[in-house]
Amino acid sequence: MTRLFLIMITVLASFLVEARTVRSSRQLDDSVVVVKGQVSDYFIPVNHEYTVSGQVTDSTGQPLEGATVMWLASPVHCNTKADGNYMLKATDGDTLLYTYYPGLGFTQLARRKDQRHVNIRMVRQLPRVVLPRVKAMATRWYDPEDCATTTYCNPLNISYNYEPFNDNVRQGGCFRSSADPMALTYKGQYLLFSTNQGGYHHSKNLSDWDFQTATFKRHPTDDDQCAPAAFVSNDTLYYTGSTYEGLPLWFTTQPETGRWRQAIARNSLPSWDPCLFLDDDGRLYLYYGSSNEYPIKAVELSRQTFEPIGKIYDVVLLHPEKHGWERFGMNNDDEVTLKPFMEGAWMTKHDGRYYLQYGAPGTEFKVYADGVYVGDSPLGPFTYQKLNPMCYKPGGFVQGTGHGGTFQDLHGQYWHVATCMLSLKYKFERRIGLYPTYFDNDGVMYANTAFGDYPQRNADYQGRDRFTGWMLLSLGKHFTCSSTDTLDVSNLGDENIRTYWSAATGDPGEWVSIDLGHNCSVRAIQLNFYDHGSVQCDRANDIYYQYRIWASDDNHQWTLVVDKSQADRDTPHDYVELKEALDTRYLKVENLHMPANGKFCLSEMRVFGKADMPAPNKVSGFRAFRDKKDPRNVMLSWLPAANAYGYNIYYGVEPGKLYHCITVNGATQYDFRGLDKGTNYYFSIQALGEGGCSETTTNIKL
């Protein structure tokens, strides 16, 4: 008896110690009982249990017999008696009473922890809206069975992955993001690789994209495969991600399957932000580095082992004291907080010369851009191109064009795909933009970002002028909506990707409409959905948006224009190119389905086309004042032009080569801090209006 007692005491002591350990490690509010099974241990919370009681009645106060009372998302149920009374087992964690009665539907009622008696009154619920299960209707302007586009509009309309479940999403809620893109052609299609996607996007025309999951995803609950690199050798596609400690180099010949094998099990260099460049002589090079202290490095690799061959070179480093655009800050205006970051190396060979591109000064800023150094050898030395950065877009709806990659389409046209700033819920909340890229007769490399967030002709078009001429019709217009949960609905027309509006729910029937002010010829609509109230981390395969777009001349009689009631594609920046021009004054978007339990939410509703009005007058009073103390800065100003809603400022380093563009909406001045010391610049300006564009002004030389 004594021996048995001692054994029981020993077991109990061990039990209590383990229970306390489990409670401490799991940080549970309640105590825990540990039950040891034959296969595994069971951790059973010990809760304070009691009974909650009350009466269920209808809207007139009559008792309801047979109503089912339960806790939300719980197996605990009971049914009411003839007098409508119920008794339900509860713990402090049970706070939402969920009650069902035939014909009255469901009622949800919250209680306090100390509340033991709760009466429930059932009110007849409206019937649940059932989404249409008939074929989506084709109209003159949109056919859901034939919706391939000839144009695209930044940011790219790809299925941006949700941030994995980590500290990034806790403060602001779930959000989508991707960045650090690179693209290439492989077997007649375009492949787009970017950060944290768990796979890659593919397209036939650079505007209509699908997604393929891949077997190289390794850490589903954390950022995975950041800033990837890929290259093609003969018929084989190679891929790897950023690493300090070593990642595999994978390969495949069938990327459409998503299956990849390891060429090597582990990279040998701490190659964060890698670029793998295969020269046309068959030699392979690696460029890497992401730092605000250390330079980008370059080295030749073995084609068999992918180990370094020869010396590792320091090739380029930032010089913000000379290059204004490399300075830290939202407008290159912070030289105190941190040194700027140099990252995202990319190599392009053109006409026998090597163009080493890099991103600076920080991905969370509108001035994020890609610069370029040029050399005659893949390992340098490299010379800073006089016109820098080579890709730059600090204004307009989409801002930031850093850490990208340059590639050729199937017709030989160069493109630059780059990271765009959003940085609302988190500093690394980002999108991707695509810009046509050129080399002039003197070998100067530049991306054309003028009208870079307006409809542009995609890769199927082989001409040089890719801007469609469709102007913005939605800026500053009057919006109305079915309901509002947060922020003002006018945010949908402010051309600011970092503001948004949300309806009170994500239910079918929520809507938002725009009054264009007068009848316009509408050619395209971009719906920039945003996540508000969403519950989603990482990638899911059932994410899609369903809606209808209606048009009206009088705001009373509506005509169906676009029916996406059967859509099953993830299109967070859905761009709808109409088959023919739509003459209308009012447009309404009717919500049918929002993914991830989110509310009907948009950051912008953008409408493109032409209004029947004159193009703006040529801008007058254009002035440029370069700071004598700091020639990296210039203040630009001008007088407002009639019929103008915005302006494009063009600049360059030679009179006939004003390759860069800054879009300014509404204002008549711009504080530009992106000049290089010791370089002369030329500026001109153009007014933008719903009826078209003005002539550009005569160049100003600084």
Foldseek 3Di string as FASTA:
>chain_A
DVVVVVVVVVVVVVQQVVQVVVCVVVVDPFTWGWDQDPPGIDTHGDFDKDKAKEFEEEPVRQGDFQKWKDFPPDPWIDTAHPRRMDITMDTLVRFWIWIQDPQQGIDIDGDHSPHRYDYHYGYRDDDADDFDPDDWDADQWADPVDFDDQWAFPPAFAQFWKAAADPLAPPQHIFGAWFLWEWEDAPQKIWIDIWQAQFIWIDNWSRDIDTDHAPQFDDRRHTGQHNKEWDDDDQKIWIGGQAQWWAFIWIDNCSNNRYIDGLDGTDDHNFHNWYWDQDPVRWIKIWGDKDLPAAIWMFTADPRHRHGDDDIDRADHDDCLFFQLQADDQQSPDNDPGRFIKGQWEWDDDPQKIWIKIWDGDLLHLSIAIQTWIANDPRDNTHGDQWPDQEGESAFLWGHFGNWYWYAHPLGWIKIKGWTHQQQSHSRHITIFMFTWDQDPVRDIHTFCVCRRPIFGIRVDDDDGTHPQWAWQQAQWDKDWPAWDDDDPSLQRPRYLRAKTFGPFAAFFTKMKTFSPAWFFFFKKKFQFTFDPFDDRTDDQQFDWFKWKWFDAPVPDIDTNDGRSPPRRNGNGDMGGIPGTDTGGMMMITGHGHPRRGTGMTSYIIIIHAGPDDAWEEWPPWDWAADPVRNLKIKIFTDDIPQFQWKWKFKDQDQVCSRDIYIGGPHGMDIHRRHGPPTKMWIWMWGGHRHGIYDIDHIDID
